[in-house]
N, C-alpha and C. Protein backbone atom coordinates (compact mmCIF):
# COMPACT_ATOMS: atom_id res chain seq x y z
N MET A 1 0.61 -1.34 -0.34
CA MET A 1 0.17 -0.03 0.09
C MET A 1 1.23 1.46 0.22
N LEU A 2 1.60 1.13 0.89
CA LEU A 2 2.78 2.34 0.93
C LEU A 2 3.99 2.47 -0.39
N SER A 3 4.37 3.52 -0.81
CA SER A 3 5.28 3.35 -1.56
C SER A 3 6.75 3.09 -1.31
N GLU A 4 8.08 2.38 -1.60
CA GLU A 4 8.87 2.02 -0.81
C GLU A 4 9.49 3.42 -0.55
N THR A 5 9.24 4.64 -1.07
CA THR A 5 10.03 5.98 -1.12
C THR A 5 9.56 6.27 0.70
N LEU A 6 7.97 5.86 0.73
CA LEU A 6 7.76 6.63 2.01
C LEU A 6 8.17 5.70 3.01
N LYS A 7 8.57 4.31 3.28
CA LYS A 7 8.90 3.52 3.91
C LYS A 7 10.41 3.41 4.07
N SER A 8 11.23 4.09 3.41
CA SER A 8 12.47 4.24 3.55
C SER A 8 12.54 5.49 3.80
N GLU A 9 11.73 6.59 3.70
CA GLU A 9 12.14 7.96 3.75
C GLU A 9 11.03 8.77 4.83
N PRO A 10 10.70 8.26 6.21
CA PRO A 10 10.13 8.62 6.91
C PRO A 10 9.84 10.10 7.33
N THR A 11 10.06 10.84 6.43
CA THR A 11 10.00 12.55 6.48
C THR A 11 8.59 13.60 7.32
N TYR A 12 7.66 12.13 6.91
CA TYR A 12 6.33 13.06 7.73
C TYR A 12 6.18 12.59 9.05
N GLU A 13 7.35 11.91 9.63
CA GLU A 13 7.35 12.20 11.23
C GLU A 13 7.72 13.24 11.88
N HIS A 14 7.01 13.62 13.39
CA HIS A 14 7.61 14.57 13.47
C HIS A 14 8.11 14.58 15.38
N PRO A 15 8.55 13.71 15.24
CA PRO A 15 9.05 12.78 16.83
C PRO A 15 9.44 14.44 17.88
N ASP A 16 9.49 15.53 17.36
CA ASP A 16 9.68 16.53 18.44
C ASP A 16 8.23 16.90 19.36
N ILE A 17 7.04 16.68 18.54
CA ILE A 17 5.70 16.61 19.00
C ILE A 17 5.73 15.33 19.69
N PRO A 18 4.57 15.45 21.06
CA PRO A 18 4.37 14.01 21.63
C PRO A 18 3.38 13.93 20.83
N THR A 19 3.07 12.59 20.81
CA THR A 19 2.06 12.18 20.30
C THR A 19 1.28 10.82 20.74
N ALA A 20 0.33 9.82 20.43
CA ALA A 20 -0.05 8.79 20.66
C ALA A 20 -0.19 7.92 19.29
N VAL A 21 -0.23 8.53 18.25
CA VAL A 21 -0.32 7.80 17.07
C VAL A 21 0.93 7.48 16.80
N SER A 22 1.47 5.82 16.36
CA SER A 22 2.59 4.90 16.26
C SER A 22 2.67 5.38 14.63
N PRO A 23 4.32 5.01 14.57
CA PRO A 23 4.71 5.42 12.93
C PRO A 23 3.91 4.68 12.09
N ALA A 24 3.31 3.43 12.03
CA ALA A 24 2.22 2.83 11.33
C ALA A 24 1.42 3.32 11.05
N GLU A 25 0.43 3.74 11.77
CA GLU A 25 -0.45 4.67 11.87
C GLU A 25 -0.24 5.99 11.11
N THR A 26 0.88 6.72 11.42
CA THR A 26 1.19 7.90 10.88
C THR A 26 1.09 7.95 9.26
N ALA A 27 1.79 6.52 8.64
CA ALA A 27 2.13 6.20 7.52
C ALA A 27 0.56 6.10 6.94
N VAL A 28 -0.27 5.36 7.65
CA VAL A 28 -1.71 5.43 6.92
C VAL A 28 -2.12 6.82 6.92
N LEU A 29 -2.22 7.55 7.98
CA LEU A 29 -2.95 8.40 7.71
C LEU A 29 -2.51 9.79 6.80
N TYR A 30 -0.68 9.69 6.55
CA TYR A 30 -0.03 10.56 5.64
C TYR A 30 -0.48 10.02 3.96
N GLU A 31 -1.13 8.69 3.57
CA GLU A 31 -1.31 7.88 2.64
C GLU A 31 -2.63 8.55 2.38
N LEU A 32 -3.47 8.17 3.52
CA LEU A 32 -5.07 8.43 3.24
C LEU A 32 -5.10 9.92 2.64
N ALA A 33 -4.32 10.69 3.38
CA ALA A 33 -4.59 12.59 3.21
C ALA A 33 -3.69 12.60 1.94
N GLU A 34 -3.40 12.56 1.07
CA GLU A 34 -2.53 12.59 0.22
C GLU A 34 -3.17 13.38 -0.90
N GLY A 35 -3.13 14.26 -1.05
CA GLY A 35 -3.84 15.36 -2.54
C GLY A 35 -5.17 15.45 -1.90
N LYS A 36 -5.47 15.20 -0.67
CA LYS A 36 -7.11 15.22 -0.66
C LYS A 36 -7.45 16.63 0.53
N ILE A 37 -8.79 16.97 0.44
CA ILE A 37 -9.16 18.32 1.88
C ILE A 37 -9.60 17.13 2.48
N VAL A 38 -8.75 17.34 3.65
CA VAL A 38 -8.96 16.34 4.93
C VAL A 38 -9.84 17.95 6.37
N LEU A 39 -10.16 16.56 6.90
CA LEU A 39 -11.13 16.84 8.50
C LEU A 39 -10.39 16.32 9.51
N GLU A 40 -9.75 16.90 10.21
CA GLU A 40 -9.07 16.43 11.44
C GLU A 40 -10.06 16.61 12.63
N LEU A 41 -10.81 15.89 13.54
CA LEU A 41 -11.40 16.27 14.63
C LEU A 41 -10.45 15.39 15.92
N GLY A 42 -9.87 16.46 16.65
CA GLY A 42 -8.88 15.98 17.66
C GLY A 42 -7.69 15.92 17.23
N SER A 43 -7.04 17.45 17.43
CA SER A 43 -5.49 17.39 17.34
C SER A 43 -4.32 17.69 18.31
N TRP A 44 -5.27 17.74 19.74
CA TRP A 44 -4.17 17.90 20.80
C TRP A 44 -2.68 18.41 20.66
N LEU A 45 -1.95 18.08 20.34
CA LEU A 45 -0.51 18.89 19.95
C LEU A 45 -0.20 19.13 19.33
N GLY A 46 -0.53 18.35 17.90
CA GLY A 46 -0.86 19.05 16.36
C GLY A 46 0.27 17.85 15.76
N ALA A 47 0.85 16.72 16.15
CA ALA A 47 1.55 16.09 15.58
C ALA A 47 0.39 15.33 13.98
N SER A 48 -0.34 14.92 14.71
CA SER A 48 -0.80 13.77 13.49
C SER A 48 -1.66 15.67 12.37
N THR A 49 -1.71 16.59 12.97
CA THR A 49 -1.83 17.79 11.95
C THR A 49 -1.07 17.91 10.84
N VAL A 50 0.32 17.69 11.83
CA VAL A 50 1.44 18.35 11.22
C VAL A 50 1.69 16.93 9.77
N VAL A 51 1.31 15.64 10.30
CA VAL A 51 1.49 14.83 9.21
C VAL A 51 0.15 14.81 7.98
N LEU A 52 -0.86 14.89 8.38
CA LEU A 52 -1.84 15.45 7.76
C LEU A 52 -1.49 16.36 6.43
N CYS A 53 -0.95 17.93 7.03
CA CYS A 53 -0.73 18.89 6.49
C CYS A 53 0.27 18.68 4.97
N SER A 54 1.43 17.92 5.70
CA SER A 54 2.25 17.53 4.48
C SER A 54 2.02 16.46 3.33
N SER A 55 0.69 15.90 3.77
CA SER A 55 0.40 15.36 2.30
C SER A 55 -0.71 16.13 1.73
N ALA A 56 -1.77 16.40 2.51
CA ALA A 56 -3.50 16.83 1.98
C ALA A 56 -2.91 18.17 0.93
N LYS A 57 -4.01 17.94 0.60
CA LYS A 57 -4.23 19.83 -0.21
C LYS A 57 -4.32 20.77 0.86
N ARG A 58 -5.55 20.05 1.66
CA ARG A 58 -5.46 21.46 2.70
C ARG A 58 -6.26 20.84 3.90
N VAL A 59 -6.22 20.95 5.29
CA VAL A 59 -6.64 20.40 6.55
C VAL A 59 -7.25 21.54 7.13
N HIS A 60 -8.67 21.04 7.59
CA HIS A 60 -9.07 21.68 8.56
C HIS A 60 -9.35 20.68 9.75
N ALA A 61 -8.24 21.41 11.01
CA ALA A 61 -8.38 20.71 12.07
C ALA A 61 -9.50 21.52 13.31
N VAL A 62 -10.07 20.42 14.35
CA VAL A 62 -11.08 20.87 14.88
C VAL A 62 -10.82 20.51 15.85
N ASP A 63 -10.29 21.26 17.30
CA ASP A 63 -9.96 20.77 18.55
C ASP A 63 -10.47 21.95 19.90
N TRP A 64 -11.31 21.84 20.99
CA TRP A 64 -11.45 23.07 21.11
C TRP A 64 -10.53 23.14 22.53
N HIS A 65 -9.60 22.16 22.35
CA HIS A 65 -7.90 22.36 23.40
C HIS A 65 -7.84 22.99 24.54
N ARG A 66 -9.41 21.67 25.17
CA ARG A 66 -9.17 21.86 26.57
C ARG A 66 -9.08 20.61 27.21
N GLY A 67 -8.76 19.68 26.55
CA GLY A 67 -8.80 18.17 27.32
C GLY A 67 -10.09 17.89 27.72
N ASP A 68 -9.74 16.09 27.61
CA ASP A 68 -10.76 15.84 28.49
C ASP A 68 -10.54 14.59 29.56
N GLU A 69 -11.10 13.74 29.89
CA GLU A 69 -10.86 12.99 31.16
C GLU A 69 -9.69 11.64 30.57
N HIS A 70 -9.95 11.46 29.37
CA HIS A 70 -8.70 10.46 28.97
C HIS A 70 -7.27 11.19 28.82
N ALA A 71 -7.40 12.33 27.94
CA ALA A 71 -5.77 13.01 27.79
C ALA A 71 -5.08 14.13 28.73
N GLY A 72 -6.70 14.24 29.74
CA GLY A 72 -5.85 15.11 31.07
C GLY A 72 -7.00 16.93 30.35
N PHE A 73 -7.29 17.21 31.21
CA PHE A 73 -8.01 18.33 31.12
C PHE A 73 -7.00 19.75 31.21
N HIS A 74 -6.32 20.05 30.06
CA HIS A 74 -5.00 21.25 30.06
C HIS A 74 -5.42 21.58 28.68
N ASN A 75 -4.94 23.05 28.93
CA ASN A 75 -5.14 23.95 27.54
C ASN A 75 -4.13 23.68 26.67
N THR A 76 -4.14 23.06 25.26
CA THR A 76 -3.21 22.99 24.57
C THR A 76 -3.10 23.82 23.53
N ALA A 77 -3.99 24.95 23.40
CA ALA A 77 -4.01 25.72 21.93
C ALA A 77 -2.45 26.17 21.45
N GLU A 78 -2.07 26.80 22.99
CA GLU A 78 -0.51 27.59 22.15
C GLU A 78 0.76 26.50 21.83
N ALA A 79 0.20 25.53 22.44
CA ALA A 79 1.63 24.45 21.92
C ALA A 79 0.91 24.04 20.51
N TYR A 80 -0.24 23.90 20.30
CA TYR A 80 -0.77 23.16 19.27
C TYR A 80 -0.35 24.27 17.96
N LEU A 81 -0.68 25.71 18.07
CA LEU A 81 -0.22 26.47 17.19
C LEU A 81 1.24 26.74 16.66
N ALA A 82 2.02 26.80 17.94
CA ALA A 82 3.33 26.59 18.02
C ALA A 82 4.22 25.57 16.59
N ASN A 83 3.20 24.33 17.55
CA ASN A 83 3.66 22.88 16.34
C ASN A 83 3.37 22.92 14.92
N THR A 84 2.07 23.66 14.67
CA THR A 84 1.58 23.74 13.61
C THR A 84 1.97 25.06 12.52
N ARG A 85 2.60 25.99 12.84
CA ARG A 85 2.99 27.25 12.28
C ARG A 85 3.58 27.20 10.82
N GLN A 86 3.87 25.93 10.71
CA GLN A 86 4.86 26.02 9.09
C GLN A 86 3.85 25.43 8.61
N CYS A 87 2.52 25.17 8.63
CA CYS A 87 1.78 24.23 8.03
C CYS A 87 1.01 25.55 7.37
N GLU A 88 1.05 25.55 6.08
CA GLU A 88 0.49 27.05 5.00
C GLU A 88 -0.92 26.37 4.83
N ASN A 89 -1.14 24.82 4.36
CA ASN A 89 -2.34 24.46 4.38
C ASN A 89 -3.18 24.13 5.32
N LEU A 90 -3.19 24.68 6.38
CA LEU A 90 -4.01 24.48 7.60
C LEU A 90 -5.06 25.50 7.93
N ILE A 91 -6.18 25.19 8.21
CA ILE A 91 -7.23 26.03 8.76
C ILE A 91 -7.83 25.57 10.22
N THR A 92 -7.14 26.30 11.41
CA THR A 92 -7.82 25.79 12.46
C THR A 92 -8.85 26.34 12.94
N HIS A 93 -9.76 25.40 13.56
CA HIS A 93 -11.37 25.67 14.19
C HIS A 93 -11.08 25.41 15.74
N ILE A 94 -11.01 26.47 16.52
CA ILE A 94 -10.61 26.08 17.92
C ILE A 94 -12.29 26.11 18.59
N GLY A 95 -12.86 24.90 18.79
CA GLY A 95 -14.33 24.62 19.18
C GLY A 95 -14.47 23.50 19.34
N ARG A 96 -15.95 23.00 19.71
CA ARG A 96 -16.18 22.14 20.20
C ARG A 96 -16.74 21.19 18.39
N PHE A 97 -16.41 19.36 18.92
CA PHE A 97 -16.67 19.15 16.74
C PHE A 97 -18.05 19.33 16.58
N GLU A 98 -19.34 19.27 17.64
CA GLU A 98 -20.38 19.58 17.53
C GLU A 98 -20.87 20.78 16.93
N GLU A 99 -19.91 22.08 16.97
CA GLU A 99 -20.47 23.28 17.22
C GLU A 99 -19.77 23.62 15.78
N VAL A 100 -18.75 23.27 15.37
CA VAL A 100 -18.05 23.88 14.02
C VAL A 100 -18.30 22.47 13.35
N VAL A 101 -18.53 21.52 12.89
CA VAL A 101 -18.62 20.42 11.48
C VAL A 101 -19.72 20.85 11.18
N PRO A 102 -20.97 21.33 12.05
CA PRO A 102 -22.15 21.47 11.30
C PRO A 102 -21.95 22.66 9.99
N LEU A 103 -21.19 23.52 10.77
CA LEU A 103 -20.93 25.06 9.70
C LEU A 103 -20.16 24.63 8.42
N PHE A 104 -19.53 23.34 8.24
CA PHE A 104 -19.38 23.08 6.82
C PHE A 104 -20.13 22.64 5.97
N ARG A 105 -20.06 22.69 4.63
CA ARG A 105 -21.05 22.31 3.42
C ARG A 105 -21.28 20.53 3.64
N VAL A 106 -21.79 20.10 3.31
CA VAL A 106 -22.23 18.48 3.57
C VAL A 106 -21.19 18.02 2.56
N GLY A 107 -20.39 16.96 2.79
CA GLY A 107 -19.55 16.28 1.72
C GLY A 107 -18.43 16.99 1.59
N LEU A 108 -17.69 17.67 2.24
CA LEU A 108 -16.59 19.18 1.60
C LEU A 108 -15.45 17.87 1.87
N PHE A 109 -15.65 16.75 2.23
CA PHE A 109 -13.87 16.34 2.84
C PHE A 109 -13.75 15.11 1.91
N ASP A 110 -12.61 14.85 1.95
CA ASP A 110 -12.45 13.52 1.27
C ASP A 110 -11.94 12.37 2.12
N PHE A 111 -11.61 12.87 3.37
CA PHE A 111 -11.13 11.86 4.76
C PHE A 111 -10.97 12.52 5.56
N VAL A 112 -11.67 11.99 6.69
CA VAL A 112 -11.93 12.63 7.75
C VAL A 112 -10.98 11.25 8.73
N PHE A 113 -9.97 12.28 10.06
CA PHE A 113 -9.41 11.40 11.00
C PHE A 113 -10.04 12.20 12.29
N VAL A 114 -10.66 10.72 12.95
CA VAL A 114 -11.17 11.38 14.25
C VAL A 114 -10.37 10.69 15.82
N ASP A 115 -10.17 11.55 16.23
CA ASP A 115 -9.34 10.98 17.56
C ASP A 115 -9.69 12.36 18.64
N GLY A 116 -10.77 12.09 18.89
CA GLY A 116 -11.25 12.85 20.11
C GLY A 116 -11.35 12.23 21.01
N TYR A 117 -12.34 12.57 21.99
CA TYR A 117 -12.88 12.06 23.83
C TYR A 117 -13.40 10.56 22.85
N HIS A 118 -12.72 9.51 24.06
CA HIS A 118 -12.88 7.79 23.26
C HIS A 118 -13.88 7.08 24.17
N THR A 119 -15.49 7.94 24.50
CA THR A 119 -16.34 7.16 25.36
C THR A 119 -17.30 6.85 23.76
N TYR A 120 -18.12 5.85 24.46
CA TYR A 120 -18.76 5.75 23.18
C TYR A 120 -19.73 6.71 22.83
N ASP A 121 -20.68 7.25 23.62
CA ASP A 121 -21.42 8.53 23.04
C ASP A 121 -20.16 9.46 22.28
N ALA A 122 -19.25 9.95 22.87
CA ALA A 122 -18.53 10.91 21.69
C ALA A 122 -18.11 10.40 20.76
N THR A 123 -17.51 9.05 20.63
CA THR A 123 -17.06 8.58 19.67
C THR A 123 -17.95 8.55 18.34
N TYR A 124 -19.36 8.06 18.98
CA TYR A 124 -20.45 8.04 17.89
C TYR A 124 -20.91 9.34 17.58
N GLN A 125 -20.96 10.38 18.07
CA GLN A 125 -21.07 11.63 17.86
C GLN A 125 -20.13 12.04 16.72
N ALA A 126 -19.19 11.93 17.09
CA ALA A 126 -17.98 12.21 15.98
C ALA A 126 -17.98 11.26 14.18
N GLY A 127 -18.73 9.84 14.71
CA GLY A 127 -19.05 9.22 13.74
C GLY A 127 -19.99 9.85 12.43
N ILE A 128 -21.06 10.40 13.18
CA ILE A 128 -22.27 10.67 12.75
C ILE A 128 -21.45 11.97 12.19
N LEU A 129 -20.72 12.95 12.81
CA LEU A 129 -20.44 14.38 11.89
C LEU A 129 -19.67 13.91 11.06
N SER A 130 -18.73 12.58 11.15
CA SER A 130 -18.06 12.48 10.11
C SER A 130 -18.73 12.05 8.67
N ARG A 131 -19.65 11.34 8.71
CA ARG A 131 -20.98 11.17 7.85
C ARG A 131 -21.43 12.33 7.10
N PHE A 132 -21.54 13.18 7.65
CA PHE A 132 -22.08 14.04 7.36
C PHE A 132 -20.71 14.95 6.42
N ALA A 133 -19.97 15.01 6.71
CA ALA A 133 -18.85 15.81 6.36
C ALA A 133 -18.00 15.18 5.09
N VAL A 134 -18.27 14.08 5.19
CA VAL A 134 -16.94 13.48 4.16
C VAL A 134 -17.75 13.30 2.72
N LYS A 135 -17.33 13.33 1.76
CA LYS A 135 -17.86 12.93 0.55
C LYS A 135 -18.15 11.22 0.23
N PRO A 136 -19.39 11.23 -0.18
CA PRO A 136 -19.62 9.51 -0.85
C PRO A 136 -18.32 8.93 -1.28
N GLY A 137 -18.03 7.77 -1.06
CA GLY A 137 -16.62 7.17 -1.30
C GLY A 137 -15.72 7.53 -0.71
N GLY A 138 -15.87 8.37 0.26
CA GLY A 138 -14.43 8.82 1.32
C GLY A 138 -14.19 7.97 2.48
N LYS A 139 -13.15 8.22 2.79
CA LYS A 139 -12.61 7.39 4.25
C LYS A 139 -12.90 8.14 5.66
N VAL A 140 -12.53 7.73 6.47
CA VAL A 140 -12.85 7.75 8.45
C VAL A 140 -11.98 6.84 8.69
N ALA A 141 -10.84 7.89 9.41
CA ALA A 141 -10.42 7.03 10.39
C ALA A 141 -10.54 7.43 11.87
N PHE A 142 -10.52 6.29 12.40
CA PHE A 142 -10.67 6.42 13.84
C PHE A 142 -9.63 6.00 14.99
N HIS A 143 -9.04 7.02 15.20
CA HIS A 143 -7.74 6.35 16.30
C HIS A 143 -8.16 5.69 17.85
N ASP A 144 -7.56 4.87 18.40
CA ASP A 144 -7.50 3.96 19.58
C ASP A 144 -8.67 3.18 19.39
N TYR A 145 -8.71 2.66 18.33
CA TYR A 145 -10.13 1.18 18.25
C TYR A 145 -9.50 0.56 18.54
N GLY A 146 -9.99 -0.41 19.68
CA GLY A 146 -10.33 -1.54 20.27
C GLY A 146 -9.73 -0.76 21.63
N LEU A 147 -9.65 0.39 21.80
CA LEU A 147 -9.25 1.06 23.15
C LEU A 147 -10.20 2.01 23.70
N PHE A 148 -10.35 1.97 25.37
CA PHE A 148 -11.97 2.74 25.31
C PHE A 148 -12.86 2.30 25.05
N ASP A 149 -13.95 2.96 24.48
CA ASP A 149 -15.17 2.41 23.86
C ASP A 149 -15.22 2.66 22.07
N VAL A 150 -14.28 2.84 21.61
CA VAL A 150 -14.11 3.45 20.70
C VAL A 150 -15.06 2.61 19.35
N LYS A 151 -14.34 1.24 19.60
CA LYS A 151 -14.43 0.02 18.61
C LYS A 151 -16.13 -0.27 18.70
N PRO A 152 -16.61 -0.47 19.75
CA PRO A 152 -17.84 -0.55 19.57
C PRO A 152 -18.56 0.59 18.60
N ALA A 153 -18.37 1.58 19.19
CA ALA A 153 -19.32 3.01 18.32
C ALA A 153 -18.52 3.04 16.86
N VAL A 154 -17.44 2.62 16.57
CA VAL A 154 -17.40 2.61 15.23
C VAL A 154 -18.19 1.56 14.56
N ASP A 155 -18.15 0.38 15.06
CA ASP A 155 -18.67 -1.01 14.59
C ASP A 155 -20.09 -0.89 14.44
N HIS A 156 -21.00 -0.34 15.41
CA HIS A 156 -22.39 0.15 15.32
C HIS A 156 -22.66 0.75 14.16
N LEU A 157 -21.53 2.17 14.08
CA LEU A 157 -22.25 3.49 12.94
C LEU A 157 -21.65 2.47 11.27
N PHE A 158 -20.76 1.80 11.34
CA PHE A 158 -20.21 1.78 10.47
C PHE A 158 -19.61 0.08 9.62
N GLY A 159 -20.24 -1.02 10.75
CA GLY A 159 -19.95 -2.31 10.46
C GLY A 159 -18.14 -1.99 10.34
N PRO A 160 -17.58 -3.67 10.17
CA PRO A 160 -16.14 -3.62 10.60
C PRO A 160 -15.38 -2.88 9.27
N PRO A 161 -14.35 -2.52 9.98
CA PRO A 161 -13.38 -1.71 9.26
C PRO A 161 -13.23 -2.32 8.14
N ALA A 162 -12.60 -1.40 6.92
CA ALA A 162 -11.92 -1.86 5.76
C ALA A 162 -10.36 -2.37 6.03
N GLN A 163 -9.87 -1.41 6.89
CA GLN A 163 -8.21 -1.97 7.58
C GLN A 163 -8.19 -0.81 9.10
N VAL A 164 -7.50 -2.00 9.87
CA VAL A 164 -7.12 -1.78 10.94
C VAL A 164 -5.22 -1.75 10.86
N VAL A 165 -5.00 -0.87 11.08
CA VAL A 165 -3.52 -0.87 11.51
C VAL A 165 -3.17 -0.59 13.04
N GLU A 166 -2.57 -1.12 13.38
CA GLU A 166 -2.55 -1.10 15.02
C GLU A 166 -3.75 -0.66 16.00
N SER A 167 -3.92 1.11 16.23
CA SER A 167 -5.54 1.09 16.68
C SER A 167 -5.97 2.15 16.06
N LEU A 168 -5.38 1.82 14.47
CA LEU A 168 -6.34 2.92 13.52
C LEU A 168 -7.10 2.46 12.84
N ALA A 169 -8.57 2.59 13.05
CA ALA A 169 -9.47 1.91 12.25
C ALA A 169 -9.70 2.68 10.99
N VAL A 170 -9.87 2.24 9.51
CA VAL A 170 -10.48 3.03 8.52
C VAL A 170 -11.34 2.54 8.11
N VAL A 171 -12.45 3.45 7.99
CA VAL A 171 -13.85 2.42 7.60
C VAL A 171 -14.10 3.69 5.96
N ASP A 172 -14.89 2.79 5.14
CA ASP A 172 -15.25 3.12 4.16
C ASP A 172 -16.67 4.44 4.18
N ALA A 173 -17.24 5.62 3.83
CA ALA A 173 -18.15 6.38 3.90
C ALA A 173 -19.08 6.33 3.12
């Protein structure tokens, strides 16, 4: 799936930015975003955002940057903005998913990456918003599939994923 060039030259990884997204998951995100208009739901400190920006046509990143029970309650906006300042194709939206995503045109995005609060209800709601936001035939990837309550919410909404790499599940929209 990944070209040999990407496997041998992982220049899209940013080890200076803390992240829970593994190198294998990063490679999949890079490939899924390539040349696409991307929506990221949950950015934390911006490591995945930078990866998406390094291959996407445009990235819209949505996060309220106040944390949650799983990530801890910290204001991450300043660190995120510093870490993503070089991303010229990035539009940052600071707010809650359910307040920001409905402002977009239906089917605007080719690919959606979801890595927000990991309860069943929050993941299910992010999945509903993703269906609204992604084009028919697009892809949605959920991080932490198999952890917390992500898997049951994803499976309920989309059925079994088309691809799973470590804890990254990719579904067809």
